[in-house]
Amino acid sequence: MVILLFTVDAHLMALPENQMENLGVSCNNHSGRKYNDLTVRLVDPDGLEVTPSQVDLGGPIPPYTGWGTATFHISAPPNSAFPDPDHVLTFECVWNQRISIPVKVHVIVEPAAQAPWAGGSGLTNGSGFPVYAVAEGTKTGLPVYCENTGSVTFDNVVIRVIDDAGLMIGPSPVDLGELAPGQQHTANFNAVAPDDLPLGHHVVTFACEGQTPDGHGISSPVKVDVDVHPAGSFCQGGFCFSCFIATATYGSESAPEVQFLRNFRDLYVLNTFSGRSFMVMFNSFYYSFSPQVASVIASNTFLREFMQIFLRPMLAILWLAYYVSFGVYQVDAEAGVMLTGLIACSLLGLVYLSPVPALLAWRGRRYRQILASRRFLRMLVLIFFSSAGLVILASLVRLPSLALIATSVTAVTIIIYAAFLPTFLGLKIWRTTE
């Protein structure tokens, strides 16, 4: 089975009309074998002109961290900025008729020339950052500016929301008053992501309006990209941070190990209901301590080297779980992610936690009696099947609160069971040989 994930030069790019830009799309090999004859293929140009339609990467592509990059030429035909300048390109990586998870690149087409308004003046607008990030149930600031690029003063200038994309945006409109030639005013909007808003990419549309002595002026719409992250994500200053510990360990967010973890989460786990539900609870736990731990790791060379060794089994386990369950994922994403979680939690408990009960059993007779008890393991099995059944039920009827609790309990139960099972079996064998 081919295990391929994508990286791109940019998930968001600006493209002026009638101009050509290059976009690099990389196909990354996260399997344990090397591949030849890889192809990056355009799936949907969304109204833009993209050449060529596919690029053969050839090979060989080495295992685990091997990659090949295809360069596509993108141009925007005349009038492709209207009525909607936001276009989404879709690519996929293909090997032997096996297809990776598609990657999407958002392209904002800029008009070839700003249309003049009444009196020869024009209004333009924009935002401070190309992409803002917000966690579900929280808010972030969206500063949007309006600029007078003409020679006539605008009165009664306002910035209003044209399309909120499902977010709660306010206040709107914002009165900026008078705007003289060359002057720029900024309005600060608040964007709140409701709990039921789908995770991922959303595009909020704003426009400036104003009056001149000769008539009314309105700017072309400005698109502000907002990425909605799971509740509990650590967001600050318009950005959501993740993989703190891995980034501190490997020294860069562009390290192959960090990219693998991010792609595993964003392109695989978060594409499913049960995966998103689990990540809400996981993020609440992880971000409660990871920034502080990461700062300690980043300042200590010995800790960085130790953590690279410590995280190596986890990376191998996640890759193996992804590899084994990817075929199921292509048929049913929910079932594939559940199988991935079962495999990953079992192996993580076995590798990282099984020495703890073994040490306790070695230290005292009382611990051996508890760990050899069938009642304890039966209780864990009962909890596992009950919570796993609730995960399936919550996924079928889409109950976020139930899924959040059930996925977390299931994961913890599997980890504990896998950690205690080797000691339990070892004690049983030891007693039969006495």
Protein backbone atom coordinates (compact mmCIF):
# COMPACT_ATOMS: atom_id res chain seq x y z
CA MET A 1 0.00 0.00 0.00
CA VAL A 2 1.31 3.49 -0.81
CA ILE A 3 1.40 6.00 2.03
CA LEU A 4 1.66 9.46 0.53
CA LEU A 5 1.11 12.87 2.08
CA PHE A 6 1.38 16.32 0.55
CA THR A 7 3.17 19.55 1.19
CA VAL A 8 2.81 22.63 -0.98
CA ASP A 9 4.70 25.90 -1.32
CA ALA A 10 1.68 27.73 0.08
CA HIS A 11 -1.86 26.76 1.07
CA LEU A 12 -2.91 30.31 0.18
CA MET A 13 -1.55 32.41 -2.67
CA ALA A 14 -2.49 35.62 -4.44
CA LEU A 15 -2.65 35.59 -8.24
CA PRO A 16 -3.11 38.75 -10.35
CA GLU A 17 -5.31 38.41 -13.41
CA ASN A 18 -3.48 37.76 -16.69
CA GLN A 19 -0.27 36.83 -14.89
CA MET A 20 1.38 33.45 -14.42
CA GLU A 21 2.76 32.14 -11.14
CA ASN A 22 4.54 28.90 -10.23
CA LEU A 23 3.31 26.57 -7.51
CA GLY A 24 5.37 23.68 -6.13
CA VAL A 25 3.45 20.60 -4.99
CA SER A 26 5.48 17.92 -3.21
CA CYS A 27 4.60 14.25 -2.85
CA ASN A 28 6.10 12.78 0.32
CA ASN A 29 6.76 9.10 0.92
CA HIS A 30 5.99 8.04 4.50
CA SER A 31 6.15 4.31 3.87
CA GLY A 32 9.00 1.93 4.51
CA ARG A 33 9.74 1.25 0.85
CA LYS A 34 10.91 3.34 -2.06
CA TYR A 35 8.65 4.12 -5.02
CA ASN A 36 9.18 4.74 -8.70
CA ASP A 37 6.85 6.31 -11.27
CA LEU A 38 5.09 8.72 -8.92
CA THR A 39 2.77 11.30 -10.48
CA VAL A 40 1.29 14.53 -9.12
CA ARG A 41 -2.04 15.12 -10.84
CA LEU A 42 -4.37 18.10 -11.05
CA VAL A 43 -7.90 17.08 -10.03
CA ASP A 44 -9.82 20.36 -10.16
CA PRO A 45 -8.52 23.74 -11.49
CA ASP A 46 -11.68 25.57 -10.30
CA GLY A 47 -11.79 27.93 -13.26
CA LEU A 48 -8.07 28.74 -13.39
CA GLU A 49 -5.61 27.76 -16.09
CA VAL A 50 -3.13 25.20 -14.74
CA THR A 51 -0.44 23.54 -16.80
CA PRO A 52 0.58 20.80 -17.09
CA SER A 53 -2.33 18.67 -15.88
CA GLN A 54 0.07 16.17 -14.33
CA VAL A 55 3.79 15.88 -13.63
CA ASP A 56 5.68 12.59 -13.51
CA LEU A 57 8.16 12.63 -10.62
CA GLY A 58 9.93 9.48 -11.74
CA GLY A 59 11.98 8.04 -8.93
CA PRO A 60 13.16 6.43 -6.91
CA ILE A 61 11.54 8.24 -3.96
CA PRO A 62 13.33 7.05 -0.77
CA PRO A 63 11.31 5.72 2.19
CA TYR A 64 10.03 7.69 5.20
CA THR A 65 11.27 11.19 4.32
CA GLY A 66 11.69 10.95 0.55
CA TRP A 67 9.88 13.46 -1.61
CA GLY A 68 9.57 14.78 -5.13
CA THR A 69 8.29 18.19 -6.19
CA ALA A 70 6.18 19.02 -9.22
CA THR A 71 5.99 22.59 -10.53
CA PHE A 72 2.69 23.79 -11.98
CA HIS A 73 2.09 27.04 -13.87
CA ILE A 74 -1.06 28.87 -12.76
CA SER A 75 -2.72 31.80 -14.48
CA ALA A 76 -6.06 33.56 -13.98
CA PRO A 77 -8.18 34.25 -17.10
CA PRO A 78 -9.75 37.72 -17.50
CA ASN A 79 -12.67 38.41 -15.14
CA SER A 80 -11.89 35.37 -12.97
CA ALA A 81 -11.76 37.72 -9.95
CA PHE A 82 -15.51 38.30 -10.25
CA PRO A 83 -17.98 37.48 -8.87
CA ASP A 84 -15.85 35.38 -6.51
CA PRO A 85 -12.06 35.77 -6.48
CA ASP A 86 -11.54 32.74 -4.21
CA HIS A 87 -10.57 29.60 -6.14
CA VAL A 88 -9.55 26.20 -4.76
CA LEU A 89 -7.11 24.00 -6.67
CA THR A 90 -7.07 20.28 -5.88
CA PHE A 91 -4.10 17.98 -6.46
CA GLU A 92 -3.41 14.32 -5.70
CA CYS A 93 -0.39 12.05 -5.79
CA VAL A 94 -0.72 8.77 -7.68
CA TRP A 95 1.31 5.57 -7.69
CA ASN A 96 0.17 2.40 -9.43
CA GLN A 97 -3.47 3.60 -9.40
CA ARG A 98 -3.31 4.29 -5.65
CA ILE A 99 -4.21 7.83 -4.68
CA SER A 100 -3.18 9.99 -1.74
CA ILE A 101 -5.46 12.23 0.30
CA PRO A 102 -6.06 15.30 -1.93
CA VAL A 103 -4.39 18.58 -1.10
CA LYS A 104 -6.19 21.89 -1.63
CA VAL A 105 -4.57 25.23 -2.43
CA HIS A 106 -6.61 28.42 -2.08
CA VAL A 107 -5.89 31.05 -4.73
CA ILE A 108 -7.17 34.60 -4.36
CA VAL A 109 -7.39 36.23 -7.80
CA GLU A 110 -6.66 39.95 -7.75
CA PRO A 111 -8.34 42.18 -10.38
CA ALA A 112 -6.01 43.30 -13.15
CA ALA A 113 -6.78 46.92 -12.37
CA GLN A 114 -8.77 48.61 -9.64
CA ALA A 115 -11.91 50.09 -11.19
CA PRO A 116 -12.19 53.88 -10.78
CA TRP A 117 -15.20 55.17 -8.88
CA ALA A 118 -17.09 58.47 -8.93
CA GLY A 119 -14.87 61.53 -9.22
CA GLY A 120 -11.90 59.43 -10.29
CA SER A 121 -11.37 58.04 -6.79
CA GLY A 122 -11.21 54.44 -5.70
CA LEU A 123 -11.50 52.54 -2.46
CA THR A 124 -9.38 49.51 -1.74
CA ASN A 125 -9.26 47.36 1.35
CA GLY A 126 -7.34 44.51 2.85
CA SER A 127 -6.35 42.71 6.02
CA GLY A 128 -3.21 42.48 8.13
CA PHE A 129 -2.54 38.76 7.60
CA PRO A 130 -3.49 36.40 4.77
CA VAL A 131 -4.86 33.75 7.18
CA TYR A 132 -6.29 33.99 10.68
CA ALA A 133 -6.84 31.05 13.01
CA VAL A 134 -9.48 30.57 15.68
CA ALA A 135 -10.51 27.64 17.87
CA GLU A 136 -14.12 26.49 18.06
CA GLY A 137 -16.07 28.41 20.69
CA THR A 138 -13.52 31.24 20.87
CA LYS A 139 -12.99 34.52 19.03
CA THR A 140 -10.18 36.26 17.22
CA GLY A 141 -9.71 39.80 15.96
CA LEU A 142 -9.94 40.54 12.23
CA PRO A 143 -8.48 43.98 11.42
CA VAL A 144 -9.70 45.15 8.00
CA TYR A 145 -8.55 48.44 6.51
CA CYS A 146 -10.07 50.77 3.95
CA GLU A 147 -7.77 52.98 1.85
CA ASN A 148 -8.59 55.89 -0.47
CA THR A 149 -6.39 55.44 -3.54
CA GLY A 150 -7.97 58.27 -5.52
CA SER A 151 -7.89 62.07 -5.50
CA VAL A 152 -11.32 62.85 -4.03
CA THR A 153 -12.32 62.66 -0.36
CA PHE A 154 -14.90 60.03 0.62
CA ASP A 155 -17.48 60.80 3.31
CA ASN A 156 -19.53 58.37 5.45
CA VAL A 157 -17.09 55.54 4.79
CA VAL A 158 -18.05 52.19 6.29
CA ILE A 159 -16.66 48.66 6.21
CA ARG A 160 -19.33 45.98 6.22
CA VAL A 161 -19.43 42.19 6.17
CA ILE A 162 -20.68 40.82 2.84
CA ASP A 163 -20.39 37.10 3.70
CA ASP A 164 -19.62 35.79 7.20
CA ALA A 165 -18.96 32.18 5.99
CA GLY A 166 -20.80 30.80 9.02
CA LEU A 167 -18.75 32.70 11.60
CA MET A 168 -20.24 35.28 13.94
CA ILE A 169 -18.68 38.58 12.79
CA GLY A 170 -19.27 41.88 14.52
CA PRO A 171 -19.78 44.71 14.69
CA SER A 172 -20.96 45.44 11.16
CA PRO A 173 -20.95 47.92 9.59
CA VAL A 174 -18.12 49.94 11.15
CA ASP A 175 -18.25 53.68 10.53
CA LEU A 176 -14.87 55.14 9.55
CA GLY A 177 -16.08 58.68 8.86
CA GLU A 178 -14.15 60.77 6.32
CA LEU A 179 -11.35 59.26 4.24
CA ALA A 180 -9.05 61.73 2.47
CA PRO A 181 -6.91 60.81 -0.58
CA GLY A 182 -4.08 58.49 0.42
CA GLN A 183 -5.60 57.95 3.86
CA GLN A 184 -6.21 54.55 5.42
CA HIS A 185 -8.47 53.62 8.34
CA THR A 186 -8.78 50.24 10.04
CA ALA A 187 -11.84 48.57 11.54
CA ASN A 188 -11.39 45.82 14.11
CA PHE A 189 -13.93 43.02 13.75
CA ASN A 190 -14.36 40.06 16.09
CA ALA A 191 -14.85 36.60 14.59
CA VAL A 192 -16.39 33.88 16.77
CA ALA A 193 -16.37 30.26 15.58
CA PRO A 194 -19.57 28.50 16.75
CA ASP A 195 -19.17 25.02 18.21
CA ASP A 196 -21.07 23.45 15.30
CA LEU A 197 -19.06 25.18 12.56
CA PRO A 198 -17.10 22.67 10.45
CA LEU A 199 -13.37 22.68 11.04
CA GLY A 200 -11.07 23.87 8.30
CA HIS A 201 -10.92 26.76 5.89
CA HIS A 202 -13.53 29.55 5.78
CA VAL A 203 -13.48 32.78 3.76
CA VAL A 204 -15.06 35.95 5.17
CA THR A 205 -15.84 38.74 2.69
CA PHE A 206 -15.73 42.48 3.49
CA ALA A 207 -16.19 45.65 1.40
CA CYS A 208 -15.70 49.39 1.89
CA GLU A 209 -18.37 51.89 0.91
CA GLY A 210 -18.35 55.68 0.84
CA GLN A 211 -19.82 58.84 -0.68
CA THR A 212 -18.20 61.52 -2.85
CA PRO A 213 -19.73 64.77 -4.14
CA ASP A 214 -20.32 62.98 -7.46
CA GLY A 215 -21.80 59.71 -6.23
CA HIS A 216 -21.27 56.49 -4.38
CA GLY A 217 -18.12 54.35 -4.26
CA ILE A 218 -17.58 50.75 -3.24
CA SER A 219 -14.40 48.70 -3.21
CA SER A 220 -13.94 45.27 -4.72
CA PRO A 221 -14.54 42.61 -2.05
CA VAL A 222 -11.66 41.61 0.20
CA LYS A 223 -11.37 37.99 1.25
CA VAL A 224 -10.05 37.20 4.72
CA ASP A 225 -9.17 33.55 5.30
CA VAL A 226 -10.04 32.04 8.67
CA ASP A 227 -8.94 28.53 9.66
CA VAL A 228 -11.15 27.00 12.35
CA HIS A 229 -9.33 24.62 14.70
CA PRO A 230 -10.72 22.19 17.28
CA ALA A 231 -11.91 23.53 20.61
CA GLY A 232 -9.05 23.58 23.08
CA SER A 233 -6.40 24.52 20.50
CA PHE A 234 -3.85 27.04 21.72
CA CYS A 235 -4.47 30.16 19.63
CA GLN A 236 -2.77 33.50 20.15
CA GLY A 237 -2.33 36.58 17.99
CA GLY A 238 -4.43 35.18 15.16
CA PHE A 239 -2.46 31.94 14.91
CA CYS A 240 -3.03 28.46 16.34
CA PHE A 241 0.08 26.67 17.45
CA SER A 242 0.56 22.93 17.48
CA CYS A 243 3.22 20.26 17.83
CA PHE A 244 5.06 22.38 20.43
CA ILE A 245 7.12 19.52 21.82
CA ALA A 246 7.96 18.01 18.43
CA THR A 247 8.95 21.42 17.04
CA ALA A 248 11.20 22.11 20.04
CA THR A 249 12.69 18.61 19.74
CA TYR A 250 13.52 18.75 16.03
CA GLY A 251 14.29 22.47 15.94
CA SER A 252 11.90 23.56 13.18
CA GLU A 253 8.27 23.32 12.08
CA SER A 254 9.56 22.30 8.64
CA ALA A 255 11.36 19.21 10.01
CA PRO A 256 10.07 16.03 8.30
CA GLU A 257 8.97 14.55 11.64
CA VAL A 258 6.93 17.63 12.54
CA GLN A 259 5.38 17.78 9.07
CA PHE A 260 4.40 14.12 9.35
CA LEU A 261 2.66 14.71 12.70
CA ARG A 262 0.88 17.78 11.36
CA ASN A 263 -0.23 16.05 8.17
CA PHE A 264 -1.34 12.99 10.13
CA ARG A 265 -3.54 15.22 12.27
CA ASP A 266 -4.81 17.74 9.71
CA LEU A 267 -5.19 15.58 6.60
CA TYR A 268 -6.21 12.33 8.27
CA VAL A 269 -7.60 12.54 11.81
CA LEU A 270 -9.38 15.91 11.56
CA ASN A 271 -11.17 14.85 8.37
CA THR A 272 -13.49 12.64 10.44
CA PHE A 273 -16.13 13.30 13.09
CA SER A 274 -14.70 10.88 15.65
CA GLY A 275 -11.16 12.15 15.01
CA ARG A 276 -12.19 15.78 15.56
CA SER A 277 -14.04 14.81 18.74
CA PHE A 278 -10.98 13.07 20.15
CA MET A 279 -8.71 16.00 19.26
CA VAL A 280 -10.88 18.41 21.28
CA MET A 281 -10.11 16.54 24.51
CA PHE A 282 -6.53 15.77 23.49
CA ASN A 283 -5.83 19.44 22.72
CA SER A 284 -7.27 20.53 26.07
CA PHE A 285 -4.83 18.18 27.79
CA TYR A 286 -1.83 18.69 25.50
CA TYR A 287 -1.86 22.49 25.42
CA SER A 288 -2.18 22.69 29.21
CA PHE A 289 1.50 21.80 29.57
CA SER A 290 3.21 21.54 26.18
CA PRO A 291 4.28 25.21 25.77
CA GLN A 292 6.15 25.11 29.09
CA VAL A 293 7.71 21.71 28.36
CA ALA A 294 8.71 22.82 24.85
CA SER A 295 10.50 25.90 26.18
CA VAL A 296 12.60 23.70 28.49
CA ILE A 297 13.43 21.24 25.70
CA ALA A 298 14.36 24.00 23.25
CA SER A 299 16.92 25.45 25.67
CA ASN A 300 18.67 22.16 26.46
CA THR A 301 20.69 20.24 23.88
CA PHE A 302 20.74 17.03 25.91
CA LEU A 303 16.94 17.07 26.28
CA ARG A 304 16.50 17.63 22.55
CA GLU A 305 18.66 14.62 21.74
CA PHE A 306 16.88 12.51 24.37
CA MET A 307 13.44 13.51 23.06
CA GLN A 308 14.41 12.62 19.50
CA ILE A 309 15.13 9.09 20.73
CA PHE A 310 12.02 9.06 22.94
CA LEU A 311 9.68 10.15 20.13
CA ARG A 312 11.10 7.77 17.53
CA PRO A 313 8.87 4.80 18.56
CA MET A 314 5.80 7.06 18.57
CA LEU A 315 6.47 8.21 15.01
CA ALA A 316 6.95 4.60 13.89
CA ILE A 317 3.73 3.55 15.63
CA LEU A 318 1.66 6.33 14.04
CA TRP A 319 3.11 5.53 10.62
CA LEU A 320 2.36 1.81 11.06
CA ALA A 321 -1.21 2.51 12.23
CA TYR A 322 -1.71 4.83 9.26
CA TYR A 323 -0.24 2.29 6.87
CA VAL A 324 -2.37 -0.63 8.09
CA SER A 325 -5.66 1.27 8.21
CA PHE A 326 -5.33 3.46 5.10
CA GLY A 327 -7.18 0.95 2.90
CA VAL A 328 -10.11 0.98 5.33
CA TYR A 329 -9.94 4.78 5.48
CA GLN A 330 -10.40 5.04 1.70
CA VAL A 331 -13.61 2.98 1.97
CA ASP A 332 -14.95 4.50 5.21
CA ALA A 333 -13.03 7.36 6.81
CA GLU A 334 -14.65 6.97 10.24
CA ALA A 335 -13.88 3.25 10.40
CA GLY A 336 -10.33 3.89 9.17
CA VAL A 337 -9.61 6.46 11.88
CA MET A 338 -11.10 4.20 14.56
CA LEU A 339 -8.86 1.35 13.42
CA THR A 340 -5.89 3.72 13.41
CA GLY A 341 -6.68 4.76 16.97
CA LEU A 342 -7.03 1.15 18.12
CA ILE A 343 -3.65 0.17 16.67
CA ALA A 344 -1.84 3.34 17.77
CA CYS A 345 -3.17 3.34 21.35
CA SER A 346 -2.39 -0.37 21.78
CA LEU A 347 1.19 0.01 20.62
CA LEU A 348 1.77 3.26 22.52
CA GLY A 349 0.60 1.65 25.76
CA LEU A 350 2.71 -1.42 25.08
CA VAL A 351 5.90 0.46 24.23
CA TYR A 352 5.80 3.39 26.65
CA LEU A 353 3.80 2.22 29.69
CA SER A 354 4.17 -1.57 29.96
CA PRO A 355 7.45 -1.29 31.97
CA VAL A 356 5.51 0.43 34.81
CA PRO A 357 3.26 -2.50 35.86
CA ALA A 358 6.17 -4.91 35.25
CA LEU A 359 8.29 -2.91 37.70
CA LEU A 360 5.46 -2.85 40.26
CA ALA A 361 5.02 -6.62 39.97
CA TRP A 362 8.73 -7.09 40.54
CA ARG A 363 8.73 -4.84 43.61
CA GLY A 364 6.01 -6.52 45.70
CA ARG A 365 3.69 -9.48 46.19
CA ARG A 366 0.63 -7.27 46.68
CA TYR A 367 1.09 -5.66 43.27
CA ARG A 368 1.50 -9.09 41.67
CA GLN A 369 -1.83 -10.21 43.11
CA ILE A 370 -3.61 -7.15 41.71
CA LEU A 371 -1.95 -7.34 38.30
CA ALA A 372 -2.69 -11.05 37.96
CA SER A 373 -6.39 -10.52 38.67
CA ARG A 374 -8.70 -11.39 35.81
CA ARG A 375 -11.32 -9.07 37.28
CA PHE A 376 -9.21 -6.00 36.54
CA LEU A 377 -8.69 -6.91 32.87
CA ARG A 378 -12.36 -7.87 32.49
CA MET A 379 -13.34 -4.48 33.81
CA LEU A 380 -11.09 -2.79 31.23
CA VAL A 381 -12.57 -4.94 28.45
CA LEU A 382 -16.09 -4.02 29.55
CA ILE A 383 -15.22 -0.31 29.60
CA PHE A 384 -13.59 -0.59 26.18
CA PHE A 385 -16.54 -2.24 24.46
CA SER A 386 -19.01 0.13 26.12
CA SER A 387 -17.11 3.26 25.17
CA ALA A 388 -16.31 1.95 21.66
CA GLY A 389 -20.02 1.30 21.15
CA LEU A 390 -20.77 4.86 22.24
CA VAL A 391 -18.16 6.17 19.77
CA ILE A 392 -19.90 4.33 16.94
CA LEU A 393 -23.31 5.56 18.11
CA ALA A 394 -22.11 9.16 18.43
CA SER A 395 -20.55 9.02 14.95
CA LEU A 396 -23.75 7.69 13.42
CA VAL A 397 -26.09 10.26 15.01
CA ARG A 398 -23.50 13.09 15.21
CA LEU A 399 -23.49 13.80 18.96
CA PRO A 400 -20.34 15.87 19.62
CA SER A 401 -20.51 15.81 23.44
CA LEU A 402 -20.95 12.04 23.56
CA ALA A 403 -18.22 11.49 20.97
CA LEU A 404 -15.80 13.72 22.89
CA ILE A 405 -16.16 11.67 26.08
CA ALA A 406 -16.43 8.25 24.41
CA THR A 407 -13.37 8.64 22.17
CA SER A 408 -11.24 9.82 25.10
CA VAL A 409 -12.35 7.01 27.42
CA THR A 410 -11.82 4.43 24.67
CA ALA A 411 -8.28 5.66 23.94
CA VAL A 412 -7.28 5.71 27.62
CA THR A 413 -8.77 2.25 28.21
CA ILE A 414 -6.88 0.73 25.27
CA ILE A 415 -3.60 2.27 26.43
CA ILE A 416 -4.04 0.98 30.00
CA TYR A 417 -5.08 -2.50 28.82
CA ALA A 418 -2.08 -2.75 26.48
CA ALA A 419 0.24 -1.59 29.26
CA PHE A 420 -0.99 -4.19 31.77
CA LEU A 421 -1.47 -7.16 29.43
CA PRO A 422 2.22 -8.23 29.13
CA THR A 423 2.62 -8.25 32.93
CA PHE A 424 -0.64 -10.17 33.36
CA LEU A 425 0.44 -12.83 30.86
CA GLY A 426 3.93 -12.96 32.34
CA LEU A 427 2.58 -13.60 35.85
CA LYS A 428 0.28 -16.33 34.56
CA ILE A 429 3.17 -18.09 32.84
CA TRP A 430 5.36 -17.66 35.93
CA ARG A 431 2.74 -19.21 38.21
CA THR A 432 2.22 -22.22 35.95
CA THR A 433 5.93 -22.95 35.97
CA GLU A 434 6.32 -22.74 39.73
